[in-house]
Amino acid sequence: MTSLAVATAAAISVAPAAAAPLWPGGPDVPGAPAVVQAPQPAPGAAPTKNPPPLPQANFAPPSISPADGDVVGVAQPIIINFKDPVTDHEAAEKAIRITSSNATTGHFYWRGDKQVRWRPEELWPANSDITVEAGGTKVAYKIGDEVKSVADNNTHTVTVYRNGEEIRKMPTSMGKPKHETPNGTYYVGEKNRKMIMDSSTYGVPITDKEGYKLEVEYATRLSNSGIFVHSAPWSVAQQGVSNTSHGCLNLSPEDAKWFFENSQKGDPVIVENSIGQLSAGDGMGDWS
């Protein structure tokens, strides 16, 4: 069962969502219920300093990401992993409290019985303080500046904005025909200074005409399906002009290094004017 929730400076309010979609979506998604607003204090009243105790959890202390003390980007969802399957999703949601220094509307969504996620309806407000409590586990972390990148397939560029101000524009080469980089809102995951990319890991032998196995530098993950922003010195002549990759965002070594050093976990990367859509089931398709 999926629920909607509101993170406030005081507490989180949840309500069951009848016929709610499994994956998050906007108000135009068929079956998406209205947002439940948390009770607000009277004008001038101080927020509740001691929220009521949570109901008894029907699960053992879980692991929570982001971790305590982390600083993450504005697209980073909250991910709670349980040790054992949880069959009563509604009861579990009621035993989770999410607080924010900025009242933020969002909702839970489950990925099987051992993981629940929560994300805002819109990107987190920059520089928010977030606390998550669940079954005896508590973490407090911070949302940093809004660092948003837009990869435009029409102009073959990646433009990076910090708090709304453009700070860098970089030529790119994205997915070629039959390997197009899907449209959608991605977010930064793991970062690897160097890594081996091997087409056989997704079923294409390295001996195939579309196969490859090569070491790349400054690889920043955007999807579980294998889309990265990375250095591609072999395609510099095509960057800003045409698409030559198998789906990744190719950048020059200098630009890939800059992106690697100036992005953090949870920063949004929006791909537009391409073909297809990032799958909600990708594992990092939380905004699809």
Protein backbone atom coordinates (compact mmCIF):
# COMPACT_ATOMS: atom_id res chain seq x y z
CA MET A 1 0.00 0.00 0.00
CA THR A 2 1.24 3.47 -0.85
CA SER A 3 0.72 6.48 1.40
CA LEU A 4 1.12 10.18 1.11
CA ALA A 5 2.93 12.18 3.73
CA VAL A 6 3.94 15.67 4.67
CA ALA A 7 7.29 16.29 6.32
CA THR A 8 7.05 19.30 8.61
CA ALA A 9 9.18 20.98 11.21
CA ALA A 10 7.19 19.05 13.78
CA ALA A 11 6.05 15.70 12.45
CA ILE A 12 4.87 13.64 9.53
CA SER A 13 1.23 12.99 8.72
CA VAL A 14 0.27 9.89 6.74
CA ALA A 15 -2.94 8.54 5.31
CA PRO A 16 -3.69 5.43 3.24
CA ALA A 17 -3.95 6.09 -0.49
CA ALA A 18 -6.62 3.99 -2.15
CA ALA A 19 -5.67 2.71 -5.59
CA ALA A 20 -2.44 4.70 -5.47
CA PRO A 21 0.24 3.99 -8.10
CA LEU A 22 3.24 1.92 -7.02
CA TRP A 23 5.70 4.47 -8.39
CA PRO A 24 5.71 8.19 -7.70
CA GLY A 25 4.04 10.51 -10.17
CA GLY A 26 2.54 13.93 -10.58
CA PRO A 27 -1.10 14.97 -10.19
CA ASP A 28 -1.82 13.97 -13.80
CA VAL A 29 -1.14 10.29 -13.06
CA PRO A 30 -4.45 8.34 -13.13
CA GLY A 31 -5.36 7.14 -9.65
CA ALA A 32 -2.95 9.46 -7.85
CA PRO A 33 -4.74 10.65 -4.69
CA ALA A 34 -4.74 14.14 -3.33
CA VAL A 35 -1.98 15.16 -0.93
CA VAL A 36 -2.90 15.00 2.75
CA GLN A 37 -1.88 18.19 4.49
CA ALA A 38 -0.38 17.94 7.96
CA PRO A 39 -2.12 19.92 10.72
CA GLN A 40 -0.58 23.37 11.07
CA PRO A 41 -0.19 25.31 14.35
CA ALA A 42 -2.25 28.45 14.89
CA PRO A 43 -0.69 31.69 13.57
CA GLY A 44 2.16 32.70 15.83
CA ALA A 45 2.19 29.39 17.66
CA ALA A 46 5.54 27.67 18.17
CA PRO A 47 6.00 24.29 16.48
CA THR A 48 5.69 21.21 18.65
CA LYS A 49 9.08 20.58 20.27
CA ASN A 50 8.21 17.10 21.50
CA PRO A 51 6.17 15.21 18.89
CA PRO A 52 4.06 12.29 20.12
CA PRO A 53 5.76 8.90 20.33
CA LEU A 54 5.62 6.75 17.24
CA PRO A 55 3.49 3.60 17.18
CA GLN A 56 5.25 0.32 17.93
CA ALA A 57 7.19 -0.65 14.81
CA ASN A 58 6.37 -3.97 13.14
CA PHE A 59 9.97 -4.29 11.98
CA ALA A 60 13.49 -4.52 13.41
CA PRO A 61 15.76 -1.44 13.30
CA PRO A 62 16.32 -0.82 9.58
CA SER A 63 19.14 0.80 7.64
CA ILE A 64 18.43 4.27 6.28
CA SER A 65 19.96 6.21 3.41
CA PRO A 66 21.10 8.97 3.38
CA ALA A 67 23.24 8.19 6.40
CA ASP A 68 23.64 10.28 9.53
CA GLY A 69 25.66 13.42 8.79
CA ASP A 70 25.45 13.15 5.00
CA VAL A 71 25.02 16.15 2.71
CA VAL A 72 23.07 15.23 -0.43
CA GLY A 73 21.43 16.82 -3.43
CA VAL A 74 17.85 18.01 -3.83
CA ALA A 75 16.67 14.92 -5.77
CA GLN A 76 17.86 12.32 -3.25
CA PRO A 77 15.02 10.06 -1.99
CA ILE A 78 14.93 8.55 1.48
CA ILE A 79 15.53 4.79 1.27
CA ILE A 80 14.71 2.48 4.20
CA ASN A 81 15.85 -1.15 3.99
CA PHE A 82 14.32 -3.73 6.34
CA LYS A 83 16.05 -6.87 7.60
CA ASP A 84 12.93 -8.99 7.06
CA PRO A 85 9.94 -8.67 4.73
CA VAL A 86 7.24 -6.27 5.93
CA THR A 87 3.75 -7.39 4.93
CA ASP A 88 1.72 -4.62 6.60
CA HIS A 89 2.97 -1.60 4.68
CA GLU A 90 0.46 0.81 6.17
CA ALA A 91 1.44 -0.04 9.75
CA ALA A 92 5.12 0.32 8.87
CA GLU A 93 4.58 3.76 7.36
CA LYS A 94 2.81 4.92 10.50
CA ALA A 95 5.90 3.91 12.51
CA ILE A 96 8.19 6.16 10.43
CA ARG A 97 8.67 9.85 11.17
CA ILE A 98 10.31 12.26 8.72
CA THR A 99 10.92 15.83 9.82
CA SER A 100 12.21 18.71 7.75
CA SER A 101 13.23 22.28 8.44
CA ASN A 102 11.04 23.16 5.43
CA ALA A 103 7.50 21.76 5.29
CA THR A 104 7.74 19.38 2.35
CA THR A 105 4.95 17.37 0.72
CA GLY A 106 5.80 13.86 -0.45
CA HIS A 107 4.86 10.21 -0.27
CA PHE A 108 5.98 6.65 0.44
CA TYR A 109 6.37 4.01 -2.26
CA TRP A 110 7.47 0.39 -1.83
CA ARG A 111 9.92 -1.69 -3.80
CA GLY A 112 9.03 -5.15 -2.61
CA ASP A 113 8.46 -5.96 1.06
CA LYS A 114 11.99 -5.14 2.26
CA GLN A 115 12.35 -1.55 1.05
CA VAL A 116 10.26 1.59 1.29
CA ARG A 117 11.20 4.97 -0.13
CA TRP A 118 9.94 8.50 0.42
CA ARG A 119 10.49 11.52 -1.75
CA PRO A 120 9.02 15.00 -2.03
CA GLU A 121 6.47 15.75 -4.74
CA GLU A 122 8.96 18.35 -5.99
CA LEU A 123 12.70 18.59 -5.44
CA TRP A 124 13.75 19.19 -1.82
CA PRO A 125 14.23 22.86 -0.91
CA ALA A 126 17.97 23.61 -0.89
CA ASN A 127 19.76 23.66 2.47
CA SER A 128 17.07 21.77 4.37
CA ASP A 129 17.74 19.73 7.51
CA ILE A 130 16.13 16.28 7.47
CA THR A 131 15.61 13.73 10.25
CA VAL A 132 14.29 10.19 9.74
CA GLU A 133 13.18 7.90 12.59
CA ALA A 134 12.13 4.30 12.02
CA GLY A 135 12.06 1.34 14.41
CA GLY A 136 14.80 2.62 16.69
CA THR A 137 17.05 3.91 13.89
CA LYS A 138 17.47 7.66 13.61
CA VAL A 139 19.50 9.67 11.12
CA ALA A 140 19.90 13.41 10.59
CA TYR A 141 21.34 14.80 7.38
CA LYS A 142 21.32 17.91 5.21
CA ILE A 143 20.18 18.85 1.72
CA GLY A 144 22.87 21.01 0.14
CA ASP A 145 22.67 23.62 -2.60
CA GLU A 146 20.46 22.95 -5.60
CA VAL A 147 22.96 21.81 -8.24
CA LYS A 148 20.91 20.83 -11.28
CA SER A 149 22.20 19.74 -14.68
CA VAL A 150 20.21 19.77 -17.91
CA ALA A 151 21.37 17.53 -20.78
CA ASP A 152 19.70 18.80 -23.95
CA ASN A 153 19.76 16.36 -26.85
CA ASN A 154 18.88 19.12 -29.31
CA THR A 155 21.92 21.25 -28.49
CA HIS A 156 24.17 18.36 -27.37
CA THR A 157 25.09 20.22 -24.21
CA VAL A 158 25.03 19.69 -20.45
CA THR A 159 24.31 22.93 -18.58
CA VAL A 160 24.87 23.04 -14.82
CA TYR A 161 23.04 25.47 -12.52
CA ARG A 162 23.74 26.18 -8.86
CA ASN A 163 20.78 27.67 -7.01
CA GLY A 164 19.34 28.81 -10.36
CA GLU A 165 22.53 30.41 -11.71
CA GLU A 166 24.30 28.86 -14.70
CA ILE A 167 27.84 27.89 -13.73
CA ARG A 168 29.04 25.72 -16.64
CA LYS A 169 27.96 24.57 -20.11
CA MET A 170 29.67 21.52 -21.60
CA PRO A 171 29.43 19.85 -25.03
CA THR A 172 28.25 16.24 -24.82
CA SER A 173 27.61 13.21 -26.99
CA MET A 174 24.70 11.08 -25.82
CA GLY A 175 23.14 7.79 -26.94
CA LYS A 176 23.28 7.06 -30.66
CA PRO A 177 20.30 5.59 -32.60
CA LYS A 178 19.00 2.37 -30.97
CA HIS A 179 20.89 3.36 -27.81
CA GLU A 180 19.21 6.69 -27.08
CA THR A 181 19.61 8.20 -23.60
CA PRO A 182 16.04 8.22 -22.22
CA ASN A 183 14.40 11.47 -21.15
CA GLY A 184 13.77 11.96 -17.46
CA THR A 185 15.00 13.28 -14.15
CA TYR A 186 18.01 11.26 -13.01
CA TYR A 187 20.12 11.85 -9.92
CA VAL A 188 23.78 11.35 -9.10
CA GLY A 189 24.66 8.02 -7.50
CA GLU A 190 28.06 6.43 -7.02
CA LYS A 191 31.20 8.05 -8.41
CA ASN A 192 34.23 6.13 -9.67
CA ARG A 193 37.54 7.78 -10.41
CA LYS A 194 38.23 4.87 -12.80
CA MET A 195 36.11 1.90 -13.77
CA ILE A 196 35.79 -0.84 -16.38
CA MET A 197 32.74 -0.64 -18.63
CA ASP A 198 31.88 -4.04 -20.10
CA SER A 199 29.00 -4.61 -22.51
CA SER A 200 28.83 -8.30 -21.57
CA THR A 201 27.37 -7.29 -18.19
CA TYR A 202 24.10 -6.49 -19.97
CA GLY A 203 24.19 -9.29 -22.53
CA VAL A 204 26.24 -7.89 -25.43
CA PRO A 205 29.46 -9.90 -25.99
CA ILE A 206 32.57 -7.77 -26.22
CA THR A 207 33.25 -9.47 -29.58
CA ASP A 208 29.95 -8.13 -30.98
CA LYS A 209 30.09 -5.11 -33.27
CA GLU A 210 28.31 -3.18 -30.48
CA GLY A 211 30.42 -4.75 -27.75
CA TYR A 212 33.11 -3.05 -25.68
CA LYS A 213 35.30 -3.40 -22.63
CA LEU A 214 37.30 -0.33 -21.69
CA GLU A 215 38.50 1.69 -18.73
CA VAL A 216 36.88 5.09 -18.29
CA GLU A 217 37.73 7.94 -15.95
CA TYR A 218 35.54 10.25 -13.85
CA ALA A 219 32.45 8.04 -14.07
CA THR A 220 29.36 9.42 -12.30
CA ARG A 221 26.40 7.03 -12.19
CA LEU A 222 22.94 8.26 -13.19
CA SER A 223 21.03 4.96 -13.46
CA ASN A 224 21.19 1.34 -12.39
CA SER A 225 20.87 0.38 -16.04
CA GLY A 226 24.36 1.74 -16.63
CA ILE A 227 24.03 5.36 -17.71
CA PHE A 228 27.01 7.42 -16.53
CA VAL A 229 28.50 10.83 -17.12
CA HIS A 230 32.14 10.06 -17.91
CA SER A 231 35.29 11.10 -19.69
CA ALA A 232 35.35 10.09 -23.36
CA PRO A 233 38.43 11.50 -25.10
CA TRP A 234 37.63 9.35 -28.16
CA SER A 235 34.42 11.30 -28.89
CA VAL A 236 35.55 14.90 -28.25
CA ALA A 237 35.11 15.74 -31.95
CA GLN A 238 31.47 14.59 -31.80
CA GLN A 239 30.66 16.22 -28.47
CA GLY A 240 28.35 19.18 -29.05
CA VAL A 241 27.62 17.89 -32.56
CA SER A 242 26.21 14.34 -32.66
CA ASN A 243 25.45 11.26 -30.58
CA THR A 244 27.89 8.34 -30.53
CA SER A 245 27.56 6.62 -27.13
CA HIS A 246 25.64 3.55 -25.96
CA GLY A 247 23.54 5.78 -23.68
CA CYS A 248 26.08 7.49 -21.46
CA LEU A 249 26.78 11.22 -21.45
CA ASN A 250 30.26 11.57 -22.96
CA LEU A 251 32.27 14.60 -21.87
CA SER A 252 35.80 15.77 -22.53
CA PRO A 253 38.33 14.70 -19.87
CA GLU A 254 38.41 18.25 -18.47
CA ASP A 255 34.63 18.56 -18.28
CA ALA A 256 34.14 15.04 -16.89
CA LYS A 257 36.66 15.80 -14.13
CA TRP A 258 34.85 19.05 -13.32
CA PHE A 259 31.46 17.33 -13.18
CA PHE A 260 32.87 14.53 -11.02
CA GLU A 261 34.36 17.02 -8.55
CA ASN A 262 31.38 19.38 -8.45
CA SER A 263 28.48 16.95 -8.18
CA GLN A 264 27.26 15.10 -5.11
CA LYS A 265 24.94 12.20 -4.41
CA GLY A 266 21.35 13.21 -5.14
CA ASP A 267 22.03 16.10 -7.52
CA PRO A 268 19.40 16.03 -10.32
CA VAL A 269 20.36 15.56 -13.96
CA ILE A 270 17.50 16.19 -16.40
CA VAL A 271 17.70 14.68 -19.89
CA GLU A 272 15.40 16.33 -22.40
CA ASN A 273 14.56 16.29 -26.11
CA SER A 274 15.67 12.67 -26.47
CA ILE A 275 13.69 9.46 -27.10
CA GLY A 276 12.00 7.25 -24.52
CA GLN A 277 11.64 7.70 -20.77
CA LEU A 278 13.74 6.58 -17.81
CA SER A 279 11.98 3.57 -16.30
CA ALA A 280 10.46 3.98 -12.85
CA GLY A 281 11.67 0.45 -12.13
CA ASP A 282 15.32 1.27 -12.85
CA GLY A 283 16.20 1.55 -9.15
CA MET A 284 17.17 5.18 -9.64
CA GLY A 285 14.03 6.12 -11.55
CA ASP A 286 12.36 7.64 -8.50
CA TRP A 287 11.30 10.76 -10.42
CA SER A 288 9.74 8.88 -13.36
